[in-house]
C-alpha atoms as a PDB file:
ATOM      1  CA  MET A   1      14.822 -12.012  23.442  1.00  0.00           C
ATOM      2  CA  THR A   2      13.060 -14.301  25.707  1.00  0.00           C
ATOM      3  CA  ILE A   3      14.035 -17.944  26.518  1.00  0.00           C
ATOM      4  CA  HIS A   4      10.794 -19.129  24.906  1.00  0.00           C
ATOM      5  CA  SER A   5      11.642 -17.279  21.587  1.00  0.00           C
ATOM      6  CA  TYR A   6      15.249 -18.464  21.761  1.00  0.00           C
ATOM      7  CA  SER A   7      14.046 -22.034  22.093  1.00  0.00           C
ATOM      8  CA  LEU A   8      11.703 -21.585  19.072  1.00  0.00           C
ATOM      9  CA  ILE A   9      14.563 -20.123  16.920  1.00  0.00           C
ATOM     10  CA  GLN A  10      16.591 -23.311  17.888  1.00  0.00           C
ATOM     11  CA  CYS A  11      13.661 -25.367  16.719  1.00  0.00           C
ATOM     12  CA  ILE A  12      13.279 -23.581  13.444  1.00  0.00           C
ATOM     13  CA  HIS A  13      17.100 -23.619  13.050  1.00  0.00           C
ATOM     14  CA  ALA A  14      16.850 -27.429  13.339  1.00  0.00           C
ATOM     15  CA  ILE A  15      14.044 -27.518  10.578  1.00  0.00           C
ATOM     16  CA  TYR A  16      16.396 -25.474   8.280  1.00  0.00           C
ATOM     17  CA  THR A  17      19.494 -27.538   8.761  1.00  0.00           C
ATOM     18  CA  THR A  18      17.818 -30.665   7.667  1.00  0.00           C
ATOM     19  CA  SER A  19      18.944 -32.321   4.329  1.00  0.00           C
ATOM     20  CA  SER A  20      15.723 -31.524   2.542  1.00  0.00           C
ATOM     21  CA  LEU A  21      12.685 -29.314   2.556  1.00  0.00           C
ATOM     22  CA  PRO A  22       9.577 -31.418   3.256  1.00  0.00           C
ATOM     23  CA  GLU A  23       7.068 -29.537   1.258  1.00  0.00           C
ATOM     24  CA  SER A  24       9.244 -29.370  -1.861  1.00  0.00           C
ATOM     25  CA  GLY A  25      10.939 -32.796  -1.558  1.00  0.00           C
ATOM     26  CA  ARG A  26      13.972 -31.289  -3.240  1.00  0.00           C
ATOM     27  CA  PRO A  27      17.336 -31.931  -1.613  1.00  0.00           C
ATOM     28  CA  LEU A  28      19.900 -29.265  -0.892  1.00  0.00           C
ATOM     29  CA  ALA A  29      22.942 -28.744  -3.036  1.00  0.00           C
ATOM     30  CA  LYS A  30      25.348 -31.608  -2.942  1.00  0.00           C
ATOM     31  CA  GLY A  31      27.769 -31.382  -0.045  1.00  0.00           C
ATOM     32  CA  THR A  32      25.633 -29.069   2.099  1.00  0.00           C
ATOM     33  CA  THR A  33      23.883 -29.753   5.306  1.00  0.00           C
ATOM     34  CA  GLY A  34      21.303 -27.099   5.315  1.00  0.00           C
ATOM     35  CA  MET A  35      21.133 -23.472   6.335  1.00  0.00           C
ATOM     36  CA  LYS A  36      23.610 -22.651   9.077  1.00  0.00           C
ATOM     37  CA  ASP A  37      22.809 -18.870   9.294  1.00  0.00           C
ATOM     38  CA  LEU A  38      19.373 -17.713  10.150  1.00  0.00           C
ATOM     39  CA  ASN A  39      20.372 -14.352   8.860  1.00  0.00           C
ATOM     40  CA  LEU A  40      20.010 -15.743   5.313  1.00  0.00           C
ATOM     41  CA  LEU A  41      16.199 -16.140   6.115  1.00  0.00           C
ATOM     42  CA  TYR A  42      16.039 -12.310   6.389  1.00  0.00           C
ATOM     43  CA  VAL A  43      17.913 -11.864   3.106  1.00  0.00           C
ATOM     44  CA  PHE A  44      15.595 -14.297   1.364  1.00  0.00           C
ATOM     45  CA  GLU A  45      12.602 -12.356   2.799  1.00  0.00           C
ATOM     46  CA  ALA A  46      13.995  -8.924   1.668  1.00  0.00           C
ATOM     47  CA  LEU A  47      14.750 -10.196  -1.846  1.00  0.00           C
ATOM     48  CA  TRP A  48      11.191 -11.730  -1.986  1.00  0.00           C
ATOM     49  CA  ARG A  49       9.515  -8.531  -0.939  1.00  0.00           C
ATOM     50  CA  GLU A  50      11.828  -6.003  -2.852  1.00  0.00           C
ATOM     51  CA  ARG A  51      12.629  -7.965  -6.053  1.00  0.00           C
ATOM     52  CA  SER A  52      15.895  -5.917  -6.056  1.00  0.00           C
ATOM     53  CA  VAL A  53      19.321  -6.455  -4.423  1.00  0.00           C
ATOM     54  CA  THR A  54      19.629  -2.727  -4.100  1.00  0.00           C
ATOM     55  CA  ARG A  55      16.279  -2.224  -2.359  1.00  0.00           C
ATOM     56  CA  ALA A  56      16.762  -5.383  -0.254  1.00  0.00           C
ATOM     57  CA  ALA A  57      20.112  -3.859   1.016  1.00  0.00           C
ATOM     58  CA  GLU A  58      18.371  -0.661   1.929  1.00  0.00           C
ATOM     59  CA  HIS A  59      15.594  -2.574   3.735  1.00  0.00           C
ATOM     60  CA  LEU A  60      18.237  -4.523   5.741  1.00  0.00           C
ATOM     61  CA  ALA A  61      20.474  -1.600   6.205  1.00  0.00           C
ATOM     62  CA  LEU A  62      23.343  -3.572   4.532  1.00  0.00           C
ATOM     63  CA  THR A  63      25.578  -2.978   1.615  1.00  0.00           C
ATOM     64  CA  GLN A  64      24.786  -4.349  -1.783  1.00  0.00           C
ATOM     65  CA  ALA A  65      27.838  -6.460  -1.660  1.00  0.00           C
ATOM     66  CA  ALA A  66      26.728  -8.052   1.567  1.00  0.00           C
ATOM     67  CA  VAL A  67      23.298  -9.030   0.140  1.00  0.00           C
ATOM     68  CA  SER A  68      24.936 -10.267  -3.005  1.00  0.00           C
ATOM     69  CA  SER A  69      27.205 -12.454  -0.956  1.00  0.00           C
ATOM     70  CA  ALA A  70      24.224 -13.684   1.163  1.00  0.00           C
ATOM     71  CA  LEU A  71      22.408 -14.506  -2.095  1.00  0.00           C
ATOM     72  CA  LYS A  72      25.397 -16.469  -3.349  1.00  0.00           C
ATOM     73  CA  ARG A  73      25.295 -18.458  -0.021  1.00  0.00           C
ATOM     74  CA  LEU A  74      21.664 -19.133  -0.291  1.00  0.00           C
ATOM     75  CA  ARG A  75      22.101 -20.366  -3.818  1.00  0.00           C
ATOM     76  CA  GLN A  76      24.789 -22.685  -2.638  1.00  0.00           C
ATOM     77  CA  GLU A  77      22.643 -23.946   0.235  1.00  0.00           C
ATOM     78  CA  TYR A  78      19.634 -24.728  -1.972  1.00  0.00           C
ATOM     79  CA  GLY A  79      21.312 -25.632  -5.187  1.00  0.00           C
ATOM     80  CA  ASP A  80      19.200 -23.206  -7.142  1.00  0.00           C
ATOM     81  CA  LYS A  81      19.547 -19.605  -8.422  1.00  0.00           C
ATOM     82  CA  LEU A  82      16.458 -18.679  -6.385  1.00  0.00           C
ATOM     83  CA  PHE A  83      16.211 -15.237  -7.936  1.00  0.00           C
ATOM     84  CA  THR A  84      17.160 -14.242 -11.478  1.00  0.00           C
ATOM     85  CA  GLN A  85      17.429 -10.903 -13.186  1.00  0.00           C
ATOM     86  CA  ILE A  86      14.557 -10.270 -15.484  1.00  0.00           C
ATOM     87  CA  GLY A  87      14.670  -6.670 -16.779  1.00  0.00           C
ATOM     88  CA  ARG A  88      15.269  -4.501 -13.763  1.00  0.00           C
ATOM     89  CA  ARG A  89      13.761  -7.047 -11.256  1.00  0.00           C
ATOM     90  CA  MET A  90      14.987  -9.959  -9.451  1.00  0.00           C
ATOM     91  CA  GLU A  91      12.222 -12.540  -9.877  1.00  0.00           C
ATOM     92  CA  PRO A  92      11.989 -15.864  -7.847  1.00  0.00           C
ATOM     93  CA  THR A  93      12.509 -19.049  -9.606  1.00  0.00           C
ATOM     94  CA  PRO A  94       9.808 -21.776  -9.427  1.00  0.00           C
ATOM     95  CA  TYR A  95      11.780 -23.419  -6.675  1.00  0.00           C
ATOM     96  CA  ALA A  96      12.155 -20.193  -4.649  1.00  0.00           C
ATOM     97  CA  ALA A  97       8.335 -19.737  -4.880  1.00  0.00           C
ATOM     98  CA  SER A  98       7.866 -23.277  -3.720  1.00  0.00           C
ATOM     99  CA  ILE A  99       9.921 -22.755  -0.548  1.00  0.00           C
ATOM    100  CA  ALA A 100       8.757 -19.109   0.106  1.00  0.00           C
ATOM    101  CA  HIS A 101       5.882 -20.144   2.375  1.00  0.00           C
ATOM    102  CA  GLN A 102       8.284 -22.037   4.574  1.00  0.00           C
ATOM    103  CA  MET A 103      10.871 -19.443   4.726  1.00  0.00           C
ATOM    104  CA  LEU A 104       8.511 -16.600   5.385  1.00  0.00           C
ATOM    105  CA  GLY A 105       6.506 -18.635   7.866  1.00  0.00           C
ATOM    106  CA  ALA A 106       9.571 -19.364   9.925  1.00  0.00           C
ATOM    107  CA  LEU A 107      10.411 -15.758  10.147  1.00  0.00           C
ATOM    108  CA  ALA A 108       6.839 -14.967  11.245  1.00  0.00           C
ATOM    109  CA  MET A 109       7.116 -17.512  13.945  1.00  0.00           C
ATOM    110  CA  ILE A 110      10.396 -15.958  15.145  1.00  0.00           C
ATOM    111  CA  ARG A 111       8.939 -12.479  15.187  1.00  0.00           C
ATOM    112  CA  LYS A 112       5.742 -13.590  16.807  1.00  0.00           C
ATOM    113  CA  ALA A 113       7.815 -15.251  19.650  1.00  0.00           C
ATOM    114  CA  ASP A 114      10.251 -12.574  19.938  1.00  0.00           C
ATOM    115  CA  ASN A 115       7.618  -9.796  20.151  1.00  0.00           C
ATOM    116  CA  SER A 116       6.573 -11.066  23.572  1.00  0.00           C
ATOM    117  CA  GLY A 117       9.832  -9.820  25.012  1.00  0.00           C
ATOM    118  CA  SER A 118      11.016  -7.143  22.555  1.00  0.00           C
ATOM    119  CA  ARG A 119       9.984  -3.550  21.715  1.00  0.00           C
ATOM    120  CA  PHE A 120      10.145  -1.601  18.617  1.00  0.00           C
ATOM    121  CA  ASP A 121      12.136   1.764  18.917  1.00  0.00           C
ATOM    122  CA  PRO A 122      10.790   4.238  16.403  1.00  0.00           C
ATOM    123  CA  GLU A 123      13.537   6.826  17.243  1.00  0.00           C
ATOM    124  CA  THR A 124      16.375   4.398  16.150  1.00  0.00           C
ATOM    125  CA  SER A 125      14.631   2.153  13.647  1.00  0.00           C
ATOM    126  CA  GLN A 126      15.810   2.301  10.044  1.00  0.00           C
ATOM    127  CA  ARG A 127      12.781   0.272   8.847  1.00  0.00           C
ATOM    128  CA  LEU A 128      11.585   0.764   5.251  1.00  0.00           C
ATOM    129  CA  TYR A 129       7.788   0.531   4.981  1.00  0.00           C
ATOM    130  CA  THR A 130       6.138   0.037   1.658  1.00  0.00           C
ATOM    131  CA  ILE A 131       2.472   1.484   1.336  1.00  0.00           C
ATOM    132  CA  ARG A 132       0.235   0.777  -1.500  1.00  0.00           C
ATOM    133  CA  THR A 133      -1.702   3.854  -2.419  1.00  0.00           C
ATOM    134  CA  ARG A 134      -2.723   6.115  -5.308  1.00  0.00           C
ATOM    135  CA  ASP A 135      -1.709   9.595  -5.995  1.00  0.00           C
ATOM    136  CA  ILE A 136      -4.811  10.816  -3.982  1.00  0.00           C
ATOM    137  CA  GLY A 137      -3.294   9.131  -0.851  1.00  0.00           C
ATOM    138  CA  GLU A 138       0.068  10.655  -1.496  1.00  0.00           C
ATOM    139  CA  VAL A 139      -1.387  14.165  -1.895  1.00  0.00           C
ATOM    140  CA  VAL A 140      -3.976  14.087   0.960  1.00  0.00           C
ATOM    141  CA  CYS A 141      -2.221  11.928   3.613  1.00  0.00           C
ATOM    142  CA  PHE A 142       1.549  11.727   3.022  1.00  0.00           C
ATOM    143  CA  PRO A 143       2.744  15.318   3.410  1.00  0.00           C
ATOM    144  CA  ARG A 144       1.519  15.303   7.007  1.00  0.00           C
ATOM    145  CA  LEU A 145       2.681  11.773   7.691  1.00  0.00           C
ATOM    146  CA  VAL A 146       6.312  12.507   6.415  1.00  0.00           C
ATOM    147  CA  SER A 147       6.404  15.659   8.420  1.00  0.00           C
ATOM    148  CA  LEU A 148       5.350  14.026  11.617  1.00  0.00           C
ATOM    149  CA  LEU A 149       7.703  10.970  11.126  1.00  0.00           C
ATOM    150  CA  ALA A 150      10.649  13.354  10.734  1.00  0.00           C
ATOM    151  CA  THR A 151      10.308  14.040  14.334  1.00  0.00           C
ATOM    152  CA  ALA A 152       8.857  10.764  15.889  1.00  0.00           C
ATOM    153  CA  ALA A 153      10.969   8.349  13.782  1.00  0.00           C
ATOM    154  CA  PRO A 154      13.732  10.315  11.878  1.00  0.00           C
ATOM    155  CA  ASN A 155      15.316   7.269  10.407  1.00  0.00           C
ATOM    156  CA  ILE A 156      12.269   5.414   9.188  1.00  0.00           C
ATOM    157  CA  ARG A 157      11.777   5.503   5.470  1.00  0.00           C
ATOM    158  CA  LEU A 158       8.590   5.152   3.332  1.00  0.00           C
ATOM    159  CA  ARG A 159       7.972   3.945  -0.200  1.00  0.00           C
ATOM    160  CA  THR A 160       4.634   4.076  -1.967  1.00  0.00           C
ATOM    161  CA  VAL A 161       3.714   1.765  -4.672  1.00  0.00           C
ATOM    162  CA  PHE A 162       0.504   1.234  -6.784  1.00  0.00           C
ATOM    163  CA  LYS A 163      -0.737  -2.285  -7.440  1.00  0.00           C
ATOM    164  CA  PRO A 164      -3.959  -3.883  -8.790  1.00  0.00           C
ATOM    165  CA  ILE A 165      -6.112  -5.227  -6.008  1.00  0.00           C
ATOM    166  CA  GLU A 166      -5.244  -8.898  -6.573  1.00  0.00           C
ATOM    167  CA  GLU A 167      -1.490  -8.195  -6.398  1.00  0.00           C
ATOM    168  CA  THR A 168      -2.157  -5.951  -3.447  1.00  0.00           C
ATOM    169  CA  LEU A 169      -3.683  -8.697  -1.503  1.00  0.00           C
ATOM    170  CA  ASN A 170      -0.961 -11.113  -2.449  1.00  0.00           C
ATOM    171  CA  GLU A 171       1.759  -8.859  -1.529  1.00  0.00           C
ATOM    172  CA  LEU A 172       0.226  -7.736   1.714  1.00  0.00           C
ATOM    173  CA  ALA A 173       0.192 -11.498   2.582  1.00  0.00           C
ATOM    174  CA  SER A 174       3.825 -12.061   1.515  1.00  0.00           C
ATOM    175  CA  GLY A 175       5.042  -8.904   3.210  1.00  0.00           C
ATOM    176  CA  GLN A 176       6.200  -7.226  -0.038  1.00  0.00           C
ATOM    177  CA  ILE A 177       3.679  -4.436   0.920  1.00  0.00           C
ATOM    178  CA  ASP A 178       3.185  -3.446   4.608  1.00  0.00           C
ATOM    179  CA  PHE A 179      -0.055  -1.469   4.271  1.00  0.00           C
ATOM    180  CA  ALA A 180      -2.602  -0.458   1.782  1.00  0.00           C
ATOM    181  CA  LEU A 181      -4.273   3.027   2.069  1.00  0.00           C
ATOM    182  CA  GLY A 182      -7.388   4.101   0.333  1.00  0.00           C
ATOM    183  CA  PHE A 183     -11.051   3.202  -0.452  1.00  0.00           C
ATOM    184  CA  LEU A 184     -10.583  -0.570  -1.090  1.00  0.00           C
ATOM    185  CA  PRO A 185     -13.774  -2.379  -0.065  1.00  0.00           C
ATOM    186  CA  SER A 186     -12.778  -5.559  -2.081  1.00  0.00           C
ATOM    187  CA  LEU A 187      -9.795  -6.184   0.251  1.00  0.00           C
ATOM    188  CA  GLU A 188     -11.307  -8.745   2.624  1.00  0.00           C
ATOM    189  CA  THR A 189      -9.482 -12.117   2.883  1.00  0.00           C
ATOM    190  CA  ALA A 190      -7.407 -12.133   6.106  1.00  0.00           C
ATOM    191  CA  ILE A 191      -7.245  -8.379   6.220  1.00  0.00           C
ATOM    192  CA  HIS A 192      -7.618  -5.961   9.000  1.00  0.00           C
ATOM    193  CA  ARG A 193      -8.518  -2.221   8.596  1.00  0.00           C
ATOM    194  CA  ARG A 194      -8.708   1.024  10.445  1.00  0.00           C
ATOM    195  CA  ILE A 195     -10.889   3.787   9.174  1.00  0.00           C
ATOM    196  CA  LEU A 196      -8.991   7.130   8.826  1.00  0.00           C
ATOM    197  CA  LEU A 197     -11.586   9.436   7.412  1.00  0.00           C
ATOM    198  CA  LYS A 198     -15.173   9.349   6.033  1.00  0.00           C
ATOM    199  CA  GLN A 199     -15.667  11.266   2.798  1.00  0.00           C
ATOM    200  CA  HIS A 200     -18.249  12.625   0.516  1.00  0.00           C
ATOM    201  CA  TYR A 201     -18.043  13.429  -3.248  1.00  0.00           C
ATOM    202  CA  VAL A 202     -18.121  17.016  -4.575  1.00  0.00           C
ATOM    203  CA  CYS A 203     -18.325  18.620  -7.989  1.00  0.00           C
ATOM    204  CA  VAL A 204     -15.156  20.564  -9.000  1.00  0.00           C
ATOM    205  CA  MET A 205     -14.633  22.918 -11.802  1.00  0.00           C
ATOM    206  CA  ARG A 206     -12.371  25.880 -12.576  1.00  0.00           C
ATOM    207  CA  ALA A 207     -13.152  29.088 -10.683  1.00  0.00           C
ATOM    208  CA  GLY A 208     -13.868  30.815 -14.048  1.00  0.00           C
ATOM    209  CA  HIS A 209     -16.259  28.062 -15.220  1.00  0.00           C
ATOM    210  CA  PRO A 210     -19.590  29.566 -16.620  1.00  0.00           C
ATOM    211  CA  ILE A 211     -21.571  27.984 -13.903  1.00  0.00           C
ATOM    212  CA  ALA A 212     -19.021  28.499 -11.031  1.00  0.00           C
ATOM    213  CA  ASN A 213     -21.335  31.144  -9.439  1.00  0.00           C
ATOM    214  CA  GLU A 214     -24.601  29.356 -10.067  1.00  0.00           C
ATOM    215  CA  PRO A 215     -26.476  26.722  -7.915  1.00  0.00           C
ATOM    216  CA  LEU A 216     -25.680  23.337  -9.351  1.00  0.00           C
ATOM    217  CA  THR A 217     -28.985  21.638 -10.057  1.00  0.00           C
ATOM    218  CA  LEU A 218     -29.373  18.119 -11.298  1.00  0.00           C
ATOM    219  CA  ASP A 219     -30.457  19.392 -14.804  1.00  0.00           C
ATOM    220  CA  LEU A 220     -27.408  21.685 -14.939  1.00  0.00           C
ATOM    221  CA  PHE A 221     -25.131  18.960 -13.708  1.00  0.00           C
ATOM    222  CA  ARG A 222     -26.229  16.362 -16.387  1.00  0.00           C
ATOM    223  CA  ARG A 223     -25.709  18.889 -19.159  1.00  0.00           C
ATOM    224  CA  GLN A 224     -22.069  19.485 -18.271  1.00  0.00           C
ATOM    225  CA  SER A 225     -19.113  17.817 -19.955  1.00  0.00           C
ATOM    226  CA  HIS A 226     -17.644  15.436 -17.334  1.00  0.00           C
ATOM    227  CA  LEU A 227     -14.154  14.301 -16.551  1.00  0.00           C
ATOM    228  CA  LEU A 228     -14.075  10.816 -14.878  1.00  0.00           C
ATOM    229  CA  VAL A 229     -11.168   9.260 -12.928  1.00  0.00           C
ATOM    230  CA  GLU A 230     -11.768   5.502 -13.208  1.00  0.00           C
ATOM    231  CA  TYR A 231      -9.989   2.477 -11.860  1.00  0.00           C
ATOM    232  CA  SER A 232     -11.825  -0.819 -11.604  1.00  0.00           C
ATOM    233  CA  GLY A 233      -9.979  -2.084  -8.479  1.00  0.00           C
ATOM    234  CA  SER A 234     -11.319   0.770  -6.135  1.00  0.00           C
ATOM    235  CA  GLY A 235     -14.630   1.607  -4.658  1.00  0.00           C
ATOM    236  CA  HIS A 236     -14.884   4.733  -6.797  1.00  0.00           C
ATOM    237  CA  GLN A 237     -16.785   2.858  -9.523  1.00  0.00           C
ATOM    238  CA  ILE A 238     -19.900   4.220  -7.981  1.00  0.00           C
ATOM    239  CA  LEU A 239     -19.179   7.515  -9.662  1.00  0.00           C
ATOM    240  CA  GLU A 240     -19.637   6.162 -13.232  1.00  0.00           C
ATOM    241  CA  ARG A 241     -22.846   4.424 -12.154  1.00  0.00           C
ATOM    242  CA  ALA A 242     -24.184   7.579 -10.686  1.00  0.00           C
ATOM    243  CA  LEU A 243     -23.309   9.635 -13.825  1.00  0.00           C
ATOM    244  CA  ILE A 244     -25.097   7.039 -15.914  1.00  0.00           C
ATOM    245  CA  GLY A 245     -28.112   7.051 -13.485  1.00  0.00           C
ATOM    246  CA  ALA A 246     -28.314  10.900 -13.796  1.00  0.00           C
ATOM    247  CA  GLY A 247     -28.446  10.508 -17.637  1.00  0.00           C
ATOM    248  CA  ALA A 248     -24.992  11.909 -18.118  1.00  0.00           C
ATOM    249  CA  LYS A 249     -23.258   8.962 -19.585  1.00  0.00           C
ATOM    250  CA  SER A 250     -22.843  10.548 -23.043  1.00  0.00           C
ATOM    251  CA  GLN A 251     -21.433  13.684 -21.387  1.00  0.00           C
ATOM    252  CA  ILE A 252     -18.293  11.799 -19.933  1.00  0.00           C
ATOM    253  CA  LYS A 253     -15.740  13.465 -22.303  1.00  0.00           C
ATOM    254  CA  LEU A 254     -12.592  12.303 -20.692  1.00  0.00           C
ATOM    255  CA  ARG A 255     -11.606   9.301 -18.710  1.00  0.00           C
ATOM    256  CA  LEU A 256      -8.339   9.292 -16.740  1.00  0.00           C
ATOM    257  CA  PRO A 257      -6.604   6.586 -14.675  1.00  0.00           C
ATOM    258  CA  GLN A 258      -5.162   9.078 -12.117  1.00  0.00           C
ATOM    259  CA  TYR A 259      -6.338  11.980 -10.106  1.00  0.00           C
ATOM    260  CA  LEU A 260      -3.530  14.498 -10.212  1.00  0.00           C
ATOM    261  CA  SER A 261      -3.777  15.367 -13.980  1.00  0.00           C
ATOM    262  CA  SER A 262      -7.455  16.227 -13.585  1.00  0.00           C
ATOM    263  CA  PRO A 263      -7.105  19.876 -12.380  1.00  0.00           C
ATOM    264  CA  HIS A 264      -4.872  20.623 -15.417  1.00  0.00           C
ATOM    265  CA  PHE A 265      -7.736  19.601 -17.695  1.00  0.00           C
ATOM    266  CA  LEU A 266     -10.114  21.625 -15.689  1.00  0.00           C
ATOM    267  CA  MET A 267      -8.082  24.664 -16.017  1.00  0.00           C
ATOM    268  CA  THR A 268      -8.190  24.577 -19.885  1.00  0.00           C
ATOM    269  CA  SER A 269     -11.825  23.455 -20.394  1.00  0.00           C
ATOM    270  CA  ASP A 270     -15.335  23.748 -19.124  1.00  0.00           C
ATOM    271  CA  MET A 271     -15.493  20.112 -17.883  1.00  0.00           C
ATOM    272  CA  VAL A 272     -16.527  19.315 -14.316  1.00  0.00           C
ATOM    273  CA  TRP A 273     -15.172  16.563 -12.153  1.00  0.00           C
ATOM    274  CA  CYS A 274     -16.763  14.608  -9.340  1.00  0.00           C
ATOM    275  CA  ALA A 275     -13.992  14.018  -6.716  1.00  0.00           C
ATOM    276  CA  PRO A 276     -13.449  13.049  -3.132  1.00  0.00           C
ATOM    277  CA  GLU A 277     -13.872  16.190  -0.880  1.00  0.00           C
ATOM    278  CA  ALA A 278     -10.490  15.856   0.904  1.00  0.00           C
ATOM    279  CA  LEU A 279      -8.691  15.802  -2.561  1.00  0.00           C
ATOM    280  CA  ALA A 280     -10.632  18.701  -3.899  1.00  0.00           C
ATOM    281  CA  ASN A 281     -10.003  20.783  -0.868  1.00  0.00           C
ATOM    282  CA  THR A 282      -6.266  19.980  -1.045  1.00  0.00           C
ATOM    283  CA  LEU A 283      -6.086  20.732  -4.696  1.00  0.00           C
ATOM    284  CA  ALA A 284      -8.049  24.017  -4.263  1.00  0.00           C
ATOM    285  CA  GLY A 285      -4.904  25.246  -2.277  1.00  0.00           C
ATOM    286  CA  TYR A 286      -2.844  25.107  -5.525  1.00  0.00           C
ATOM    287  CA  TYR A 287      -5.483  25.655  -8.261  1.00  0.00           C
ATOM    288  CA  PRO A 288      -8.164  28.207  -8.714  1.00  0.00           C
ATOM    289  CA  LEU A 289     -11.159  25.704  -8.291  1.00  0.00           C
ATOM    290  CA  ALA A 290     -14.766  26.106  -7.355  1.00  0.00           C
ATOM    291  CA  ILE A 291     -16.182  23.305  -5.305  1.00  0.00           C
ATOM    292  CA  LYS A 292     -19.850  22.499  -5.289  1.00  0.00           C
ATOM    293  CA  PRO A 293     -22.173  19.980  -3.572  1.00  0.00           C
ATOM    294  CA  MET A 294     -23.293  17.054  -5.673  1.00  0.00           C
ATOM    295  CA  PRO A 295     -26.881  17.370  -6.981  1.00  0.00           C
ATOM    296  CA  ILE A 296     -27.165  13.658  -6.789  1.00  0.00           C
ATOM    297  CA  ARG A 297     -27.205  11.597  -3.522  1.00  0.00           C
ATOM    298  CA  LEU A 298     -24.142   9.439  -3.176  1.00  0.00           C
ATOM    299  CA  PRO A 299     -23.213   7.391  -0.091  1.00  0.00           C
ATOM    300  CA  GLU A 300     -20.246   8.596   1.976  1.00  0.00           C
ATOM    301  CA  PHE A 301     -17.158   6.281   1.642  1.00  0.00           C
ATOM    302  CA  GLU A 302     -14.288   5.337   3.904  1.00  0.00           C
ATOM    303  CA  ILE A 303     -10.623   5.861   3.474  1.00  0.00           C
ATOM    304  CA  ALA A 304      -8.912   3.190   5.493  1.00  0.00           C
ATOM    305  CA  LEU A 305      -5.572   1.694   6.381  1.00  0.00           C
ATOM    306  CA  TYR A 306      -5.304  -2.000   5.665  1.00  0.00           C
ATOM    307  CA  TRP A 307      -2.764  -4.771   6.731  1.00  0.00           C
ATOM    308  CA  HIS A 308      -2.645  -8.567   6.609  1.00  0.00           C
ATOM    309  CA  ASP A 309      -3.339 -10.798   9.524  1.00  0.00           C
ATOM    310  CA  ARG A 310       0.096 -12.272   9.349  1.00  0.00           C
ATOM    311  CA  PHE A 311       1.569  -9.106  10.501  1.00  0.00           C
ATOM    312  CA  HIS A 312      -1.079  -8.135  12.954  1.00  0.00           C
ATOM    313  CA  SER A 313       1.211  -8.851  15.954  1.00  0.00           C
ATOM    314  CA  ASP A 314       4.421  -7.456  14.315  1.00  0.00           C
ATOM    315  CA  ARG A 315       5.645  -4.604  16.483  1.00  0.00           C
ATOM    316  CA  ALA A 316       7.013  -2.435  13.727  1.00  0.00           C
ATOM    317  CA  ASN A 317       3.723  -2.904  11.938  1.00  0.00           C
ATOM    318  CA  GLN A 318       1.690  -2.160  15.004  1.00  0.00           C
ATOM    319  CA  TRP A 319       3.645   1.042  15.723  1.00  0.00           C
ATOM    320  CA  LEU A 320       3.260   2.663  12.284  1.00  0.00           C
ATOM    321  CA  ARG A 321      -0.381   1.742  11.899  1.00  0.00           C
ATOM    322  CA  ASP A 322      -1.186   3.206  15.385  1.00  0.00           C
ATOM    323  CA  PHE A 323       0.916   6.350  14.444  1.00  0.00           C
ATOM    324  CA  ILE A 324      -1.049   6.763  11.202  1.00  0.00           C
ATOM    325  CA  VAL A 325      -4.469   6.166  12.776  1.00  0.00           C
ATOM    326  CA  GLU A 326      -3.726   8.643  15.555  1.00  0.00           C
ATOM    327  CA  ASN A 327      -2.293  11.390  13.318  1.00  0.00           C
ATOM    328  CA  LEU A 328      -4.257  11.002  10.191  1.00  0.00           C
ATOM    329  CA  SER A 329      -7.765  10.092  11.388  1.00  0.00           C
ATOM    330  CA  VAL A 330     -10.249  12.977  10.798  1.00  0.00           C
ATOM    331  CA  GLU A 331     -13.771  13.421  12.091  1.00  0.00           C
ATOM    332  CA  PRO A 332     -16.234  13.281   9.107  1.00  0.00           C
ATOM    333  CA  MET A 333     -17.414  16.531   7.566  1.00  0.00           C
ATOM    334  CA  PRO A 334     -21.164  16.975   6.893  1.00  0.00           C
ATOM    335  CA  PRO A 335     -21.824  17.077   3.123  1.00  0.00           C
ATOM    336  CA  LEU A 336     -22.360  20.472   1.488  1.00  0.00           C
ATOM    337  CA  PRO A 337     -25.987  21.399   1.140  1.00  0.00           C
ATOM    338  CA  VAL A 338     -27.549  20.270  -2.217  1.00  0.00           C
ATOM    339  CA  SER A 339     -29.157  22.952  -4.440  1.00  0.00           C
ATOM    340  CA  ALA A 340     -32.796  22.457  -5.285  1.00  0.00           C
END
């Protein structure tokens, strides 16, 4: 730790040992003089991110008892429960929400200053990373990522979550989510991104489909029964618009929110499915599928890794995103030739 970062920590320590929080205007609990242990900031952050004592303990590499004890001290310091059990989640109280910006901002300042003289060691780190993605990302990207991390960073842990776009943006900003991975063009505000691969859509059907061995013309395409995977928060809404434009709206027989159940329906029907090429090729390794070029022109799209500007200089964040980009980036494949 550098002298500069140590001085900054002392400054922040002074802020958090005052008798009140300026933004909230709420005094600390009677008889307290403020936060004496900056480690409590990390516990607050972990609880804010994880909404669980168990997962916060995993994130911090502490026992649940240690986190529970720290939460008790936090409650004493601030005279508020801070986090309450609602169902299976520890949700922040209104007061905790009101001070979260200060608490997390202080930690960001500490990390930013300390990063100038510290390094992240992936070989020894026990960091838990949370990545927002869908089942397509888990199937196409994660097997290779997990395999490579087992050698490069054997103690690092990953957790995937799926959140609506608005929640994704908020949780990237708060640090509850480290990265988002997918086709998410609506993620813009204070967001950085790196493109991993550029993709085309293809038409997928079971290998025994009546038209599996025929050229897929536009007329033949529009007359098929279609399966559509839809989710309003992603960029894949273009598929429904394309089907409508091709005159196949009435032929959309099944709508699903997830990708991985799709091949099961294809195996027991004569439906066809417009899917990202990387996913189709991956699934074809497990199911007898026929993959054909789309008879309608669709723009290519980008699968990217996204992170918030608040964590752009964070060494742990930097290391994993560079690792992902280096190992998962793929040169774009040309689209399959379209049948006349």
